[in-house]
């Protein structure tokens, strides 16, 4: 799950917008090239996703990803129930929540302290992106 940004100072904003439109509206090609790593945000973006997941020539067995054929009905995008944005993407990509759970689960800190640490990090990240006008 990704969050795409085009900076205001980008040299080719129109080209960047066209790339993102082409990339997201022809996501089947990206899904196959990425070997099923990034699932589509919209079910119709990869209309034959169930067929692909049921028969991956690189997987052993070929249908090992079939268990994911209904994932678009139970998975959700990061940021839900709100929208993904630059701050959410940074929190996700820097593993703030994963580290919080790991610290609590391993006993490195109490669950309450792990939550407090993550809260401080999330607020710092949101403040940074808000200052840039990206949230």
N, C-alpha and C. Protein backbone atom coordinates (compact mmCIF):
# COMPACT_ATOMS: atom_id res chain seq x y z
N UNK A 1 0.85 -1.17 0.00
CA UNK A 1 0.00 0.00 0.00
C UNK A 1 0.89 1.22 0.00
N UNK A 2 0.61 2.09 -0.92
CA UNK A 2 1.51 3.21 -1.13
C UNK A 2 0.79 4.54 -1.03
N UNK A 3 1.56 5.57 -0.85
CA UNK A 3 1.06 6.95 -0.87
C UNK A 3 1.97 7.70 -1.83
N UNK A 4 1.40 8.20 -2.90
CA UNK A 4 2.19 8.88 -3.91
C UNK A 4 2.10 10.38 -3.75
N UNK A 5 3.21 11.06 -3.93
CA UNK A 5 3.28 12.51 -3.78
C UNK A 5 4.01 13.08 -4.98
N UNK A 6 3.51 14.19 -5.49
CA UNK A 6 4.22 14.94 -6.51
C UNK A 6 4.55 16.29 -5.89
N UNK A 7 5.81 16.55 -5.72
CA UNK A 7 6.25 17.79 -5.09
C UNK A 7 5.88 18.99 -5.95
N UNK A 8 5.58 20.10 -5.29
CA UNK A 8 5.23 21.34 -6.00
C UNK A 8 6.39 21.83 -6.86
N UNK A 9 7.61 21.51 -6.50
CA UNK A 9 8.78 21.98 -7.24
C UNK A 9 9.30 20.95 -8.25
N UNK A 10 8.53 19.89 -8.49
CA UNK A 10 8.94 18.87 -9.47
C UNK A 10 9.12 19.51 -10.85
N UNK A 11 10.08 19.03 -11.60
CA UNK A 11 10.37 19.60 -12.91
C UNK A 11 9.31 19.26 -13.95
N UNK A 12 8.61 18.14 -13.78
CA UNK A 12 7.63 17.72 -14.78
C UNK A 12 6.37 17.23 -14.07
N UNK A 13 5.63 18.15 -13.51
CA UNK A 13 4.42 17.78 -12.74
C UNK A 13 3.41 17.09 -13.64
N UNK A 14 3.20 17.60 -14.84
CA UNK A 14 2.24 16.97 -15.76
C UNK A 14 2.65 15.54 -16.09
N UNK A 15 3.94 15.33 -16.34
CA UNK A 15 4.43 13.98 -16.63
C UNK A 15 4.29 13.05 -15.44
N UNK A 16 4.55 13.58 -14.24
CA UNK A 16 4.41 12.77 -13.03
C UNK A 16 2.96 12.37 -12.81
N UNK A 17 2.04 13.30 -13.04
CA UNK A 17 0.61 12.99 -12.89
C UNK A 17 0.21 11.92 -13.90
N UNK A 18 0.67 12.06 -15.15
CA UNK A 18 0.33 11.07 -16.18
C UNK A 18 0.89 9.70 -15.81
N UNK A 19 2.14 9.68 -15.31
CA UNK A 19 2.73 8.40 -14.89
C UNK A 19 1.87 7.72 -13.83
N UNK A 20 1.46 8.49 -12.80
CA UNK A 20 0.67 7.88 -11.72
C UNK A 20 -0.69 7.41 -12.22
N UNK A 21 -1.30 8.16 -13.12
CA UNK A 21 -2.58 7.72 -13.69
C UNK A 21 -2.38 6.44 -14.49
N UNK A 22 -1.35 6.43 -15.34
CA UNK A 22 -1.08 5.23 -16.14
C UNK A 22 -0.74 4.03 -15.25
N UNK A 23 0.05 4.28 -14.22
CA UNK A 23 0.47 3.20 -13.32
C UNK A 23 -0.72 2.60 -12.57
N UNK A 24 -1.57 3.46 -12.04
CA UNK A 24 -2.67 2.95 -11.23
C UNK A 24 -3.84 2.43 -12.05
N UNK A 25 -4.01 2.93 -13.28
CA UNK A 25 -5.11 2.43 -14.10
C UNK A 25 -4.72 1.22 -14.93
N UNK A 26 -3.44 0.90 -14.99
CA UNK A 26 -2.98 -0.31 -15.67
C UNK A 26 -2.23 -1.15 -14.64
N UNK A 27 -2.85 -1.35 -13.50
CA UNK A 27 -2.15 -1.96 -12.38
C UNK A 27 -1.91 -3.46 -12.57
N UNK A 28 -2.63 -4.09 -13.47
CA UNK A 28 -2.41 -5.51 -13.69
C UNK A 28 -0.96 -5.77 -14.06
N UNK A 29 -0.44 -4.95 -14.97
CA UNK A 29 0.94 -5.11 -15.42
C UNK A 29 1.91 -4.95 -14.24
N UNK A 30 1.66 -3.97 -13.39
CA UNK A 30 2.52 -3.76 -12.21
C UNK A 30 2.38 -4.92 -11.22
N UNK A 31 1.17 -5.41 -11.05
CA UNK A 31 0.92 -6.53 -10.14
C UNK A 31 1.70 -7.77 -10.57
N UNK A 32 1.65 -8.08 -11.84
CA UNK A 32 2.37 -9.24 -12.36
C UNK A 32 3.87 -9.01 -12.29
N UNK A 33 4.35 -7.85 -12.72
CA UNK A 33 5.78 -7.56 -12.71
C UNK A 33 6.33 -7.57 -11.28
N UNK A 34 5.53 -7.13 -10.32
CA UNK A 34 5.94 -7.13 -8.92
C UNK A 34 5.76 -8.46 -8.24
N UNK A 35 5.40 -9.48 -9.01
CA UNK A 35 5.21 -10.84 -8.51
C UNK A 35 4.24 -10.89 -7.33
N UNK A 36 3.12 -10.15 -7.50
CA UNK A 36 1.99 -10.15 -6.57
C UNK A 36 2.30 -9.48 -5.23
N UNK A 37 3.37 -8.68 -5.18
CA UNK A 37 3.73 -8.02 -3.91
C UNK A 37 2.75 -6.92 -3.54
N UNK A 38 2.48 -6.01 -4.46
CA UNK A 38 1.55 -4.91 -4.19
C UNK A 38 0.18 -5.24 -4.76
N UNK A 39 -0.78 -5.41 -3.88
CA UNK A 39 -2.15 -5.69 -4.32
C UNK A 39 -2.82 -4.40 -4.77
N UNK A 40 -3.77 -4.51 -5.67
CA UNK A 40 -4.44 -3.30 -6.17
C UNK A 40 -5.33 -2.67 -5.10
N UNK A 41 -5.49 -1.36 -5.19
CA UNK A 41 -6.39 -0.65 -4.28
C UNK A 41 -7.85 -0.85 -4.68
N UNK A 42 -8.08 -1.07 -5.96
CA UNK A 42 -9.44 -1.22 -6.48
C UNK A 42 -9.56 -2.59 -7.12
N UNK A 43 -10.59 -3.36 -6.77
CA UNK A 43 -10.74 -4.72 -7.30
C UNK A 43 -10.70 -4.81 -8.83
N UNK A 44 -11.25 -3.84 -9.51
CA UNK A 44 -11.30 -3.91 -10.98
C UNK A 44 -9.96 -3.57 -11.63
N UNK A 45 -8.98 -3.13 -10.85
CA UNK A 45 -7.67 -2.77 -11.41
C UNK A 45 -6.93 -4.01 -11.92
N UNK A 46 -7.21 -5.16 -11.33
CA UNK A 46 -6.65 -6.44 -11.80
C UNK A 46 -7.83 -7.39 -11.90
N UNK A 47 -8.57 -7.32 -13.01
CA UNK A 47 -9.83 -8.07 -13.10
C UNK A 47 -9.67 -9.60 -13.00
N UNK A 48 -8.51 -10.12 -13.39
CA UNK A 48 -8.30 -11.57 -13.32
C UNK A 48 -7.40 -11.97 -12.16
N UNK A 49 -7.47 -11.21 -11.08
CA UNK A 49 -6.58 -11.47 -9.94
C UNK A 49 -6.75 -12.89 -9.39
N UNK A 50 -7.96 -13.39 -9.32
CA UNK A 50 -8.18 -14.75 -8.79
C UNK A 50 -7.51 -15.80 -9.66
N UNK A 51 -7.58 -15.62 -10.97
CA UNK A 51 -6.94 -16.55 -11.90
C UNK A 51 -5.42 -16.50 -11.73
N UNK A 52 -4.88 -15.29 -11.60
CA UNK A 52 -3.44 -15.15 -11.42
C UNK A 52 -2.98 -15.80 -10.12
N UNK A 53 -3.71 -15.55 -9.04
CA UNK A 53 -3.33 -16.10 -7.74
C UNK A 53 -3.43 -17.62 -7.70
N UNK A 54 -4.34 -18.17 -8.47
CA UNK A 54 -4.55 -19.62 -8.49
C UNK A 54 -3.50 -20.36 -9.30
N UNK A 55 -2.75 -19.61 -10.14
CA UNK A 55 -1.79 -20.29 -11.00
C UNK A 55 -0.58 -19.39 -11.25
N UNK A 56 0.28 -19.30 -10.25
CA UNK A 56 1.51 -18.52 -10.37
C UNK A 56 2.63 -19.46 -10.80
N UNK A 57 3.14 -19.30 -12.01
CA UNK A 57 4.16 -20.24 -12.50
C UNK A 57 5.46 -20.21 -11.68
N UNK A 58 5.70 -19.17 -10.91
CA UNK A 58 6.92 -19.09 -10.11
C UNK A 58 6.74 -19.67 -8.71
N UNK A 59 5.50 -19.91 -8.30
CA UNK A 59 5.23 -20.41 -6.95
C UNK A 59 5.27 -21.93 -6.93
N UNK A 60 5.60 -22.47 -5.78
CA UNK A 60 5.59 -23.92 -5.59
C UNK A 60 4.86 -24.23 -4.29
N UNK A 61 3.66 -24.79 -4.35
CA UNK A 61 2.89 -25.14 -5.54
C UNK A 61 2.34 -23.88 -6.22
N UNK A 62 1.92 -24.06 -7.46
CA UNK A 62 1.48 -22.93 -8.28
C UNK A 62 0.29 -22.18 -7.69
N UNK A 63 -0.49 -22.82 -6.84
CA UNK A 63 -1.68 -22.17 -6.27
C UNK A 63 -1.46 -21.71 -4.82
N UNK A 64 -0.21 -21.56 -4.40
CA UNK A 64 0.03 -21.23 -2.99
C UNK A 64 -0.51 -19.85 -2.60
N UNK A 65 -0.72 -18.95 -3.57
CA UNK A 65 -1.27 -17.62 -3.26
C UNK A 65 -2.79 -17.57 -3.38
N UNK A 66 -3.42 -18.68 -3.74
CA UNK A 66 -4.87 -18.72 -3.88
C UNK A 66 -5.58 -18.32 -2.59
N UNK A 67 -4.93 -18.55 -1.47
CA UNK A 67 -5.51 -18.19 -0.18
C UNK A 67 -5.78 -16.68 -0.09
N UNK A 68 -5.14 -15.90 -0.93
CA UNK A 68 -5.32 -14.44 -0.92
C UNK A 68 -6.38 -13.96 -1.91
N UNK A 69 -7.07 -14.86 -2.58
CA UNK A 69 -7.98 -14.42 -3.65
C UNK A 69 -9.17 -13.59 -3.17
N UNK A 70 -9.46 -13.63 -1.89
CA UNK A 70 -10.53 -12.77 -1.38
C UNK A 70 -9.99 -11.63 -0.52
N UNK A 71 -8.69 -11.39 -0.56
CA UNK A 71 -8.08 -10.40 0.32
C UNK A 71 -8.60 -8.98 0.10
N UNK A 72 -9.05 -8.65 -1.09
CA UNK A 72 -9.58 -7.31 -1.33
C UNK A 72 -10.88 -7.07 -0.57
N UNK A 73 -11.52 -8.15 -0.11
CA UNK A 73 -12.76 -7.97 0.66
C UNK A 73 -12.49 -7.82 2.16
N UNK A 74 -11.31 -8.24 2.64
CA UNK A 74 -11.04 -8.13 4.08
C UNK A 74 -9.84 -7.25 4.42
N UNK A 75 -9.03 -6.89 3.44
CA UNK A 75 -7.91 -6.00 3.69
C UNK A 75 -8.35 -4.56 3.47
N UNK A 76 -7.64 -3.64 4.05
CA UNK A 76 -7.98 -2.23 3.87
C UNK A 76 -6.70 -1.43 3.70
N UNK A 77 -6.83 -0.26 3.17
CA UNK A 77 -5.66 0.60 2.98
C UNK A 77 -5.24 1.23 4.28
N UNK A 78 -3.95 1.53 4.39
CA UNK A 78 -3.48 2.21 5.58
C UNK A 78 -4.14 3.59 5.64
N UNK A 79 -4.40 4.02 6.84
CA UNK A 79 -5.10 5.29 7.01
C UNK A 79 -6.59 5.11 7.25
N UNK A 80 -7.11 3.91 6.97
CA UNK A 80 -8.55 3.65 7.14
C UNK A 80 -8.94 3.88 8.59
N UNK A 81 -10.03 4.51 8.88
CA UNK A 81 -11.13 4.88 8.01
C UNK A 81 -10.93 6.22 7.30
N UNK A 82 -9.81 6.86 7.54
CA UNK A 82 -9.50 8.09 6.82
C UNK A 82 -8.78 7.77 5.53
N UNK A 83 -8.06 8.73 5.03
CA UNK A 83 -7.33 8.56 3.78
C UNK A 83 -5.85 8.42 4.04
N UNK A 84 -5.18 7.73 3.16
CA UNK A 84 -3.73 7.65 3.24
C UNK A 84 -3.16 9.02 2.89
N UNK A 85 -2.06 9.37 3.51
CA UNK A 85 -1.39 10.62 3.21
C UNK A 85 0.09 10.43 3.51
N UNK A 86 0.86 11.47 3.34
CA UNK A 86 2.31 11.37 3.52
C UNK A 86 2.68 10.96 4.94
N UNK A 87 1.97 11.47 5.94
CA UNK A 87 2.27 11.13 7.34
C UNK A 87 1.98 9.65 7.60
N UNK A 88 0.82 9.20 7.15
CA UNK A 88 0.46 7.78 7.33
C UNK A 88 1.50 6.90 6.65
N UNK A 89 1.93 7.29 5.45
CA UNK A 89 2.93 6.50 4.72
C UNK A 89 4.24 6.43 5.51
N UNK A 90 4.67 7.53 6.09
CA UNK A 90 5.92 7.51 6.86
C UNK A 90 5.78 6.64 8.11
N UNK A 91 4.66 6.74 8.79
CA UNK A 91 4.43 5.91 9.98
C UNK A 91 4.48 4.44 9.59
N UNK A 92 3.86 4.12 8.47
CA UNK A 92 3.83 2.73 7.98
C UNK A 92 5.22 2.27 7.54
N UNK A 93 5.89 3.08 6.74
CA UNK A 93 7.16 2.64 6.15
C UNK A 93 8.32 2.67 7.14
N UNK A 94 8.19 3.38 8.25
CA UNK A 94 9.25 3.37 9.27
C UNK A 94 8.92 2.43 10.43
N UNK A 95 7.86 1.69 10.30
CA UNK A 95 7.51 0.60 11.21
C UNK A 95 7.20 1.08 12.63
N UNK A 96 6.66 2.25 12.77
CA UNK A 96 6.35 2.78 14.10
C UNK A 96 5.45 1.82 14.87
N UNK A 97 4.39 1.35 14.24
CA UNK A 97 3.44 0.47 14.93
C UNK A 97 4.02 -0.92 15.14
N UNK A 98 4.77 -1.42 14.16
CA UNK A 98 5.39 -2.74 14.31
C UNK A 98 6.34 -2.75 15.50
N UNK A 99 7.15 -1.69 15.61
CA UNK A 99 8.10 -1.59 16.72
C UNK A 99 7.36 -1.47 18.05
N UNK A 100 6.27 -0.72 18.06
CA UNK A 100 5.46 -0.58 19.27
C UNK A 100 5.01 -1.97 19.75
N UNK A 101 4.43 -2.75 18.84
CA UNK A 101 3.95 -4.09 19.23
C UNK A 101 5.09 -4.99 19.64
N UNK A 102 6.22 -4.92 18.92
CA UNK A 102 7.36 -5.77 19.25
C UNK A 102 7.91 -5.45 20.64
N UNK A 103 8.01 -4.17 20.96
CA UNK A 103 8.51 -3.79 22.29
C UNK A 103 7.58 -4.28 23.39
N UNK A 104 6.29 -4.13 23.18
CA UNK A 104 5.33 -4.58 24.18
C UNK A 104 5.31 -6.10 24.28
N UNK A 105 5.31 -6.78 23.14
CA UNK A 105 5.24 -8.25 23.14
C UNK A 105 6.49 -8.89 23.71
N UNK A 106 7.64 -8.27 23.49
CA UNK A 106 8.89 -8.85 23.99
C UNK A 106 9.16 -8.50 25.44
N UNK A 107 8.37 -7.57 25.98
CA UNK A 107 8.58 -7.16 27.36
C UNK A 107 9.66 -6.10 27.50
N UNK A 108 10.16 -5.56 26.39
CA UNK A 108 11.18 -4.53 26.45
C UNK A 108 10.67 -3.30 27.21
N UNK A 109 9.40 -2.99 27.00
CA UNK A 109 8.73 -1.93 27.75
C UNK A 109 7.29 -2.39 27.99
N UNK A 110 6.60 -1.70 28.85
CA UNK A 110 5.20 -2.05 29.10
C UNK A 110 4.37 -1.66 27.88
N UNK A 111 3.21 -2.30 27.69
CA UNK A 111 2.34 -1.90 26.58
C UNK A 111 2.00 -0.41 26.63
N UNK A 112 1.80 0.12 27.82
CA UNK A 112 1.46 1.54 27.96
C UNK A 112 2.61 2.42 27.49
N UNK A 113 3.85 2.06 27.87
CA UNK A 113 5.01 2.85 27.46
C UNK A 113 5.28 2.72 25.96
N UNK A 114 5.06 1.53 25.42
CA UNK A 114 5.23 1.34 23.98
C UNK A 114 4.24 2.23 23.22
N UNK A 115 3.01 2.28 23.71
CA UNK A 115 1.98 3.12 23.09
C UNK A 115 2.36 4.59 23.19
N UNK A 116 2.86 5.01 24.34
CA UNK A 116 3.26 6.41 24.52
C UNK A 116 4.40 6.78 23.56
N UNK A 117 5.38 5.88 23.41
CA UNK A 117 6.49 6.14 22.48
C UNK A 117 5.98 6.28 21.05
N UNK A 118 5.11 5.37 20.64
CA UNK A 118 4.55 5.42 19.29
C UNK A 118 3.73 6.69 19.09
N UNK A 119 2.98 7.07 20.10
CA UNK A 119 2.16 8.28 20.02
C UNK A 119 3.05 9.51 19.79
N UNK A 120 4.15 9.60 20.51
CA UNK A 120 5.09 10.72 20.35
C UNK A 120 5.64 10.73 18.93
N UNK A 121 6.04 9.56 18.42
CA UNK A 121 6.58 9.48 17.06
C UNK A 121 5.52 9.88 16.02
N UNK A 122 4.30 9.38 16.19
CA UNK A 122 3.23 9.70 15.23
C UNK A 122 2.93 11.20 15.23
N UNK A 123 2.87 11.79 16.39
CA UNK A 123 2.60 13.23 16.48
C UNK A 123 3.73 14.04 15.84
N UNK A 124 4.97 13.61 16.03
CA UNK A 124 6.11 14.29 15.42
C UNK A 124 6.04 14.19 13.89
N UNK A 125 5.73 13.02 13.41
CA UNK A 125 5.63 12.80 11.96
C UNK A 125 4.49 13.63 11.37
N UNK A 126 3.33 13.62 12.02
CA UNK A 126 2.20 14.42 11.53
C UNK A 126 2.53 15.90 11.53
N UNK A 127 3.21 16.38 12.58
CA UNK A 127 3.55 17.81 12.65
C UNK A 127 4.49 18.18 11.49
N UNK A 128 5.44 17.32 11.19
CA UNK A 128 6.38 17.59 10.10
C UNK A 128 5.64 17.72 8.77
N UNK A 129 4.73 16.77 8.48
CA UNK A 129 4.02 16.79 7.21
C UNK A 129 2.96 17.89 7.17
N UNK A 130 2.40 18.21 8.31
CA UNK A 130 1.43 19.31 8.35
C UNK A 130 2.13 20.62 8.03
N UNK A 131 3.33 20.80 8.56
CA UNK A 131 4.13 22.00 8.28
C UNK A 131 4.40 22.14 6.78
N UNK A 132 4.55 21.01 6.10
CA UNK A 132 4.80 21.02 4.65
C UNK A 132 3.52 21.11 3.84
N UNK A 133 2.38 21.13 4.54
CA UNK A 133 1.10 21.19 3.86
C UNK A 133 0.68 19.91 3.18
N UNK A 134 1.18 18.78 3.68
CA UNK A 134 0.91 17.49 3.04
C UNK A 134 -0.13 16.65 3.79
N UNK A 135 -0.67 17.14 4.89
CA UNK A 135 -1.76 16.44 5.58
C UNK A 135 -2.82 17.43 5.97
